[in-house]
Amino acid sequence: MAERAFPNHRAAALALLNGDNHLTRKAGQFLGQLAVDTTPLSDAQADWLAKLLERAELPPVAAGGAL
C-alpha cells in the first residue's frame, strides 16, 4: 500500500522532528521554523524538506500542500 503524502509542510516537519531520525542542528532548526511558520516555502526550502523526507523514507508533501 502506498504511503499518503503529507498535507502540508508543517505536518512533514513535525513528522521528521518527532521521528527517530538523525538530524543535524541546522536541519532541526529549519524543521522547527517550518513547524511554526505558515508562510509558503521558497524553492530551496521545499527542496531541502523533500531531501530530508526522502532520507528518512517518509512520503513527500502533497502537491499544492500549502497551509
PDB file of N, CA and C in Angstrom:
ATOM      1  N   MET A   1       0.842  -1.173   0.000  1.00  0.00           N
ATOM      2  CA  MET A   1       0.000   0.000   0.000  1.00  0.00           C
ATOM      3  C   MET A   1       0.888   1.236   0.000  1.00  0.00           C
ATOM      4  N   ALA A   2       0.611   2.169  -0.855  1.00  0.00           N
ATOM      5  CA  ALA A   2       1.407   3.389  -0.955  1.00  0.00           C
ATOM      6  C   ALA A   2       1.124   4.304   0.228  1.00  0.00           C
ATOM      7  N   GLU A   3       2.184   4.957   0.692  1.00  0.00           N
ATOM      8  CA  GLU A   3       2.013   5.893   1.798  1.00  0.00           C
ATOM      9  C   GLU A   3       1.381   7.177   1.284  1.00  0.00           C
ATOM     10  N   ARG A   4       0.554   7.769   2.103  1.00  0.00           N
ATOM     11  CA  ARG A   4      -0.092   9.037   1.736  1.00  0.00           C
ATOM     12  C   ARG A   4       0.870  10.180   1.940  1.00  0.00           C
ATOM     13  N   ALA A   5       0.771  11.161   1.084  1.00  0.00           N
ATOM     14  CA  ALA A   5       1.611  12.355   1.190  1.00  0.00           C
ATOM     15  C   ALA A   5       1.170  13.207   2.375  1.00  0.00           C
ATOM     16  N   PHE A   6       2.109  13.969   2.915  1.00  0.00           N
ATOM     17  CA  PHE A   6       1.765  14.896   3.988  1.00  0.00           C
ATOM     18  C   PHE A   6       0.915  16.018   3.413  1.00  0.00           C
ATOM     19  N   PRO A   7      -0.093  16.483   4.143  1.00  0.00           N
ATOM     20  CA  PRO A   7      -0.980  17.517   3.609  1.00  0.00           C
ATOM     21  C   PRO A   7      -0.314  18.889   3.469  1.00  0.00           C
ATOM     22  N   ASN A   8       0.733  19.146   4.270  1.00  0.00           N
ATOM     23  CA  ASN A   8       1.415  20.444   4.214  1.00  0.00           C
ATOM     24  C   ASN A   8       2.806  20.318   4.823  1.00  0.00           C
ATOM     25  N   HIS A   9       3.596  21.382   4.678  1.00  0.00           N
ATOM     26  CA  HIS A   9       4.973  21.320   5.165  1.00  0.00           C
ATOM     27  C   HIS A   9       5.054  21.256   6.687  1.00  0.00           C
ATOM     28  N   ARG A  10       4.078  21.793   7.380  1.00  0.00           N
ATOM     29  CA  ARG A  10       4.094  21.733   8.843  1.00  0.00           C
ATOM     30  C   ARG A  10       3.983  20.290   9.332  1.00  0.00           C
ATOM     31  N   ALA A  11       3.073  19.533   8.746  1.00  0.00           N
ATOM     32  CA  ALA A  11       2.897  18.127   9.131  1.00  0.00           C
ATOM     33  C   ALA A  11       4.161  17.320   8.818  1.00  0.00           C
ATOM     34  N   ALA A  12       4.785  17.598   7.685  1.00  0.00           N
ATOM     35  CA  ALA A  12       6.008  16.894   7.313  1.00  0.00           C
ATOM     36  C   ALA A  12       7.131  17.222   8.285  1.00  0.00           C
ATOM     37  N   ALA A  13       7.276  18.500   8.638  1.00  0.00           N
ATOM     38  CA  ALA A  13       8.324  18.919   9.569  1.00  0.00           C
ATOM     39  C   ALA A  13       8.125  18.273  10.937  1.00  0.00           C
ATOM     40  N   LEU A  14       6.894  18.250  11.410  1.00  0.00           N
ATOM     41  CA  LEU A  14       6.623  17.637  12.717  1.00  0.00           C
ATOM     42  C   LEU A  14       6.913  16.141  12.700  1.00  0.00           C
ATOM     43  N   ALA A  15       6.607  15.471  11.597  1.00  0.00           N
ATOM     44  CA  ALA A  15       6.897  14.035  11.491  1.00  0.00           C
ATOM     45  C   ALA A  15       8.401  13.791  11.557  1.00  0.00           C
ATOM     46  N   LEU A  16       9.166  14.631  10.889  1.00  0.00           N
ATOM     47  CA  LEU A  16      10.618  14.480  10.936  1.00  0.00           C
ATOM     48  C   LEU A  16      11.168  14.760  12.331  1.00  0.00           C
ATOM     49  N   LEU A  17      10.647  15.796  12.971  1.00  0.00           N
ATOM     50  CA  LEU A  17      11.123  16.138  14.314  1.00  0.00           C
ATOM     51  C   LEU A  17      10.735  15.086  15.347  1.00  0.00           C
ATOM     52  N   ASN A  18       9.565  14.493  15.200  1.00  0.00           N
ATOM     53  CA  ASN A  18       9.088  13.516  16.173  1.00  0.00           C
ATOM     54  C   ASN A  18       9.559  12.099  15.893  1.00  0.00           C
ATOM     55  N   GLY A  19      10.115  11.874  14.715  1.00  0.00           N
ATOM     56  CA  GLY A  19      10.570  10.540  14.343  1.00  0.00           C
ATOM     57  C   GLY A  19      11.937  10.230  14.921  1.00  0.00           C
ATOM     58  N   ASP A  20      12.377   9.032  14.640  1.00  0.00           N
ATOM     59  CA  ASP A  20      13.689   8.576  15.107  1.00  0.00           C
ATOM     60  C   ASP A  20      14.704   8.787  13.986  1.00  0.00           C
ATOM     61  N   ASN A  21      14.887  10.054  13.607  1.00  0.00           N
ATOM     62  CA  ASN A  21      15.777  10.408  12.505  1.00  0.00           C
ATOM     63  C   ASN A  21      16.993  11.139  13.042  1.00  0.00           C
ATOM     64  N   HIS A  22      18.129  10.875  12.420  1.00  0.00           N
ATOM     65  CA  HIS A  22      19.334  11.627  12.778  1.00  0.00           C
ATOM     66  C   HIS A  22      19.298  12.951  12.033  1.00  0.00           C
ATOM     67  N   LEU A  23      19.183  14.028  12.786  1.00  0.00           N
ATOM     68  CA  LEU A  23      19.120  15.363  12.195  1.00  0.00           C
ATOM     69  C   LEU A  23      20.263  16.210  12.726  1.00  0.00           C
ATOM     70  N   THR A  24      20.815  17.029  11.875  1.00  0.00           N
ATOM     71  CA  THR A  24      21.814  17.990  12.326  1.00  0.00           C
ATOM     72  C   THR A  24      21.103  19.118  13.070  1.00  0.00           C
ATOM     73  N   ARG A  25      21.858  19.902  13.788  1.00  0.00           N
ATOM     74  CA  ARG A  25      21.283  21.061  14.475  1.00  0.00           C
ATOM     75  C   ARG A  25      20.643  22.010  13.465  1.00  0.00           C
ATOM     76  N   LYS A  26      21.318  22.209  12.342  1.00  0.00           N
ATOM     77  CA  LYS A  26      20.806  23.102  11.301  1.00  0.00           C
ATOM     78  C   LYS A  26      19.483  22.574  10.740  1.00  0.00           C
ATOM     79  N   ALA A  27      19.404  21.272  10.496  1.00  0.00           N
ATOM     80  CA  ALA A  27      18.161  20.678   9.991  1.00  0.00           C
ATOM     81  C   ALA A  27      17.062  20.789  11.038  1.00  0.00           C
ATOM     82  N   GLY A  28      17.387  20.575  12.299  1.00  0.00           N
ATOM     83  CA  GLY A  28      16.405  20.699  13.370  1.00  0.00           C
ATOM     84  C   GLY A  28      15.857  22.110  13.481  1.00  0.00           C
ATOM     85  N   GLN A  29      16.731  23.092  13.358  1.00  0.00           N
ATOM     86  CA  GLN A  29      16.284  24.486  13.395  1.00  0.00           C
ATOM     87  C   GLN A  29      15.386  24.798  12.204  1.00  0.00           C
ATOM     88  N   PHE A  30      15.756  24.320  11.043  1.00  0.00           N
ATOM     89  CA  PHE A  30      14.962  24.513   9.837  1.00  0.00           C
ATOM     90  C   PHE A  30      13.576  23.901  10.002  1.00  0.00           C
ATOM     91  N   LEU A  31      13.522  22.672  10.490  1.00  0.00           N
ATOM     92  CA  LEU A  31      12.235  21.996  10.665  1.00  0.00           C
ATOM     93  C   LEU A  31      11.401  22.672  11.752  1.00  0.00           C
ATOM     94  N   GLY A  32      12.031  23.154  12.803  1.00  0.00           N
ATOM     95  CA  GLY A  32      11.308  23.886  13.838  1.00  0.00           C
ATOM     96  C   GLY A  32      10.658  25.142  13.279  1.00  0.00           C
ATOM     97  N   GLN A  33      11.389  25.832  12.405  1.00  0.00           N
ATOM     98  CA  GLN A  33      10.833  27.015  11.757  1.00  0.00           C
ATOM     99  C   GLN A  33       9.634  26.632  10.899  1.00  0.00           C
ATOM    100  N   LEU A  34       9.757  25.561  10.123  1.00  0.00           N
ATOM    101  CA  LEU A  34       8.651  25.129   9.262  1.00  0.00           C
ATOM    102  C   LEU A  34       7.423  24.734  10.074  1.00  0.00           C
ATOM    103  N   ALA A  35       7.651  24.173  11.254  1.00  0.00           N
ATOM    104  CA  ALA A  35       6.542  23.706  12.081  1.00  0.00           C
ATOM    105  C   ALA A  35       5.680  24.852  12.603  1.00  0.00           C
ATOM    106  N   VAL A  36       6.264  26.035  12.723  1.00  0.00           N
ATOM    107  CA  VAL A  36       5.506  27.150  13.297  1.00  0.00           C
ATOM    108  C   VAL A  36       5.216  28.276  12.307  1.00  0.00           C
ATOM    109  N   ASP A  37       5.888  28.278  11.172  1.00  0.00           N
ATOM    110  CA  ASP A  37       5.748  29.362  10.200  1.00  0.00           C
ATOM    111  C   ASP A  37       4.855  28.918   9.051  1.00  0.00           C
ATOM    112  N   THR A  38       3.774  29.639   8.830  1.00  0.00           N
ATOM    113  CA  THR A  38       2.818  29.236   7.803  1.00  0.00           C
ATOM    114  C   THR A  38       3.056  29.900   6.448  1.00  0.00           C
ATOM    115  N   THR A  39       4.122  30.678   6.332  1.00  0.00           N
ATOM    116  CA  THR A  39       4.395  31.308   5.040  1.00  0.00           C
ATOM    117  C   THR A  39       4.828  30.240   4.034  1.00  0.00           C
ATOM    118  N   PRO A  40       4.558  30.456   2.754  1.00  0.00           N
ATOM    119  CA  PRO A  40       4.947  29.482   1.731  1.00  0.00           C
ATOM    120  C   PRO A  40       6.457  29.263   1.710  1.00  0.00           C
ATOM    121  N   LEU A  41       6.850  28.065   1.323  1.00  0.00           N
ATOM    122  CA  LEU A  41       8.270  27.731   1.239  1.00  0.00           C
ATOM    123  C   LEU A  41       8.870  28.277  -0.047  1.00  0.00           C
ATOM    124  N   SER A  42      10.130  28.662   0.046  1.00  0.00           N
ATOM    125  CA  SER A  42      10.869  29.008  -1.167  1.00  0.00           C
ATOM    126  C   SER A  42      11.205  27.692  -1.878  1.00  0.00           C
ATOM    127  N   ASP A  43      11.671  27.796  -3.102  1.00  0.00           N
ATOM    128  CA  ASP A  43      12.064  26.588  -3.829  1.00  0.00           C
ATOM    129  C   ASP A  43      13.185  25.851  -3.106  1.00  0.00           C
ATOM    130  N   ALA A  44      14.141  26.596  -2.580  1.00  0.00           N
ATOM    131  CA  ALA A  44      15.264  25.981  -1.863  1.00  0.00           C
ATOM    132  C   ALA A  44      14.782  25.267  -0.602  1.00  0.00           C
ATOM    133  N   GLN A  45      13.864  25.886   0.140  1.00  0.00           N
ATOM    134  CA  GLN A  45      13.323  25.248   1.342  1.00  0.00           C
ATOM    135  C   GLN A  45      12.548  23.987   0.986  1.00  0.00           C
ATOM    136  N   ALA A  46      11.733  24.058  -0.053  1.00  0.00           N
ATOM    137  CA  ALA A  46      10.956  22.886  -0.478  1.00  0.00           C
ATOM    138  C   ALA A  46      11.874  21.752  -0.897  1.00  0.00           C
ATOM    139  N   ASP A  47      12.973  22.082  -1.590  1.00  0.00           N
ATOM    140  CA  ASP A  47      13.931  21.052  -1.996  1.00  0.00           C
ATOM    141  C   ASP A  47      14.591  20.404  -0.795  1.00  0.00           C
ATOM    142  N   TRP A  48      14.991  21.219   0.185  1.00  0.00           N
ATOM    143  CA  TRP A  48      15.650  20.673   1.372  1.00  0.00           C
ATOM    144  C   TRP A  48      14.678  19.786   2.152  1.00  0.00           C
ATOM    145  N   LEU A  49      13.449  20.230   2.312  1.00  0.00           N
ATOM    146  CA  LEU A  49      12.457  19.417   3.007  1.00  0.00           C
ATOM    147  C   LEU A  49      12.245  18.099   2.278  1.00  0.00           C
ATOM    148  N   ALA A  50      12.162  18.143   0.963  1.00  0.00           N
ATOM    149  CA  ALA A  50      11.975  16.919   0.174  1.00  0.00           C
ATOM    150  C   ALA A  50      13.143  15.957   0.382  1.00  0.00           C
ATOM    151  N   LYS A  51      14.360  16.487   0.434  1.00  0.00           N
ATOM    152  CA  LYS A  51      15.538  15.637   0.663  1.00  0.00           C
ATOM    153  C   LYS A  51      15.508  15.012   2.053  1.00  0.00           C
ATOM    154  N   LEU A  52      15.129  15.797   3.058  1.00  0.00           N
ATOM    155  CA  LEU A  52      15.054  15.261   4.416  1.00  0.00           C
ATOM    156  C   LEU A  52      13.992  14.166   4.518  1.00  0.00           C
ATOM    157  N   LEU A  53      12.849  14.366   3.864  1.00  0.00           N
ATOM    158  CA  LEU A  53      11.790  13.356   3.876  1.00  0.00           C
ATOM    159  C   LEU A  53      12.244  12.087   3.170  1.00  0.00           C
ATOM    160  N   GLU A  54      12.904  12.243   2.036  1.00  0.00           N
ATOM    161  CA  GLU A  54      13.385  11.085   1.285  1.00  0.00           C
ATOM    162  C   GLU A  54      14.414  10.305   2.093  1.00  0.00           C
ATOM    163  N   ARG A  55      15.339  11.020   2.708  1.00  0.00           N
ATOM    164  CA  ARG A  55      16.379  10.382   3.518  1.00  0.00           C
ATOM    165  C   ARG A  55      15.773   9.598   4.685  1.00  0.00           C
ATOM    166  N   ALA A  56      14.683  10.110   5.244  1.00  0.00           N
ATOM    167  CA  ALA A  56      14.012   9.451   6.366  1.00  0.00           C
ATOM    168  C   ALA A  56      13.004   8.402   5.898  1.00  0.00           C
ATOM    169  N   GLU A  57      12.917   8.216   4.577  1.00  0.00           N
ATOM    170  CA  GLU A  57      11.986   7.260   3.975  1.00  0.00           C
ATOM    171  C   GLU A  57      10.530   7.562   4.353  1.00  0.00           C
ATOM    172  N   LEU A  58      10.207   8.857   4.325  1.00  0.00           N
ATOM    173  CA  LEU A  58       8.843   9.312   4.587  1.00  0.00           C
ATOM    174  C   LEU A  58       8.231   9.802   3.287  1.00  0.00           C
ATOM    175  N   PRO A  59       6.910   9.838   3.208  1.00  0.00           N
ATOM    176  CA  PRO A  59       6.268  10.308   1.979  1.00  0.00           C
ATOM    177  C   PRO A  59       6.499  11.808   1.775  1.00  0.00           C
ATOM    178  N   PRO A  60       6.298  12.281   0.559  1.00  0.00           N
ATOM    179  CA  PRO A  60       6.505  13.705   0.267  1.00  0.00           C
ATOM    180  C   PRO A  60       5.325  14.549   0.750  1.00  0.00           C
ATOM    181  N   VAL A  61       5.479  15.848   0.602  1.00  0.00           N
ATOM    182  CA  VAL A  61       4.385  16.783   0.856  1.00  0.00           C
ATOM    183  C   VAL A  61       3.492  16.756  -0.394  1.00  0.00           C
ATOM    184  N   ALA A  62       2.197  16.759  -0.190  1.00  0.00           N
ATOM    185  CA  ALA A  62       1.256  16.733  -1.309  1.00  0.00           C
ATOM    186  C   ALA A  62       1.462  17.953  -2.207  1.00  0.00           C
ATOM    187  N   ALA A  63       1.266  17.754  -3.480  1.00  0.00           N
ATOM    188  CA  ALA A  63       1.355  18.874  -4.425  1.00  0.00           C
ATOM    189  C   ALA A  63       0.358  19.945  -4.012  1.00  0.00           C
ATOM    190  N   GLY A  64       0.814  21.164  -3.950  1.00  0.00           N
ATOM    191  CA  GLY A  64      -0.063  22.247  -3.515  1.00  0.00           C
ATOM    192  C   GLY A  64      -0.350  22.213  -2.024  1.00  0.00           C
ATOM    193  N   GLY A  65       0.511  21.558  -1.253  1.00  0.00           N
ATOM    194  CA  GLY A  65       0.290  21.399   0.182  1.00  0.00           C
ATOM    195  C   GLY A  65       0.608  22.626   0.990  1.00  0.00           C
ATOM    196  N   ALA A  66      -0.022  23.718   0.647  1.00  0.00           N
ATOM    197  CA  ALA A  66       0.182  24.957   1.400  1.00  0.00           C
ATOM    198  C   ALA A  66      -0.759  24.993   2.590  1.00  0.00           C
ATOM    199  N   LEU A  67      -0.370  25.748   3.594  1.00  0.00           N
ATOM    200  CA  LEU A  67      -1.225  25.892   4.783  1.00  0.00           C
ATOM    201  C   LEU A  67      -2.280  26.925   4.563  1.00  0.00           C
TER     202      LEU A  67
END
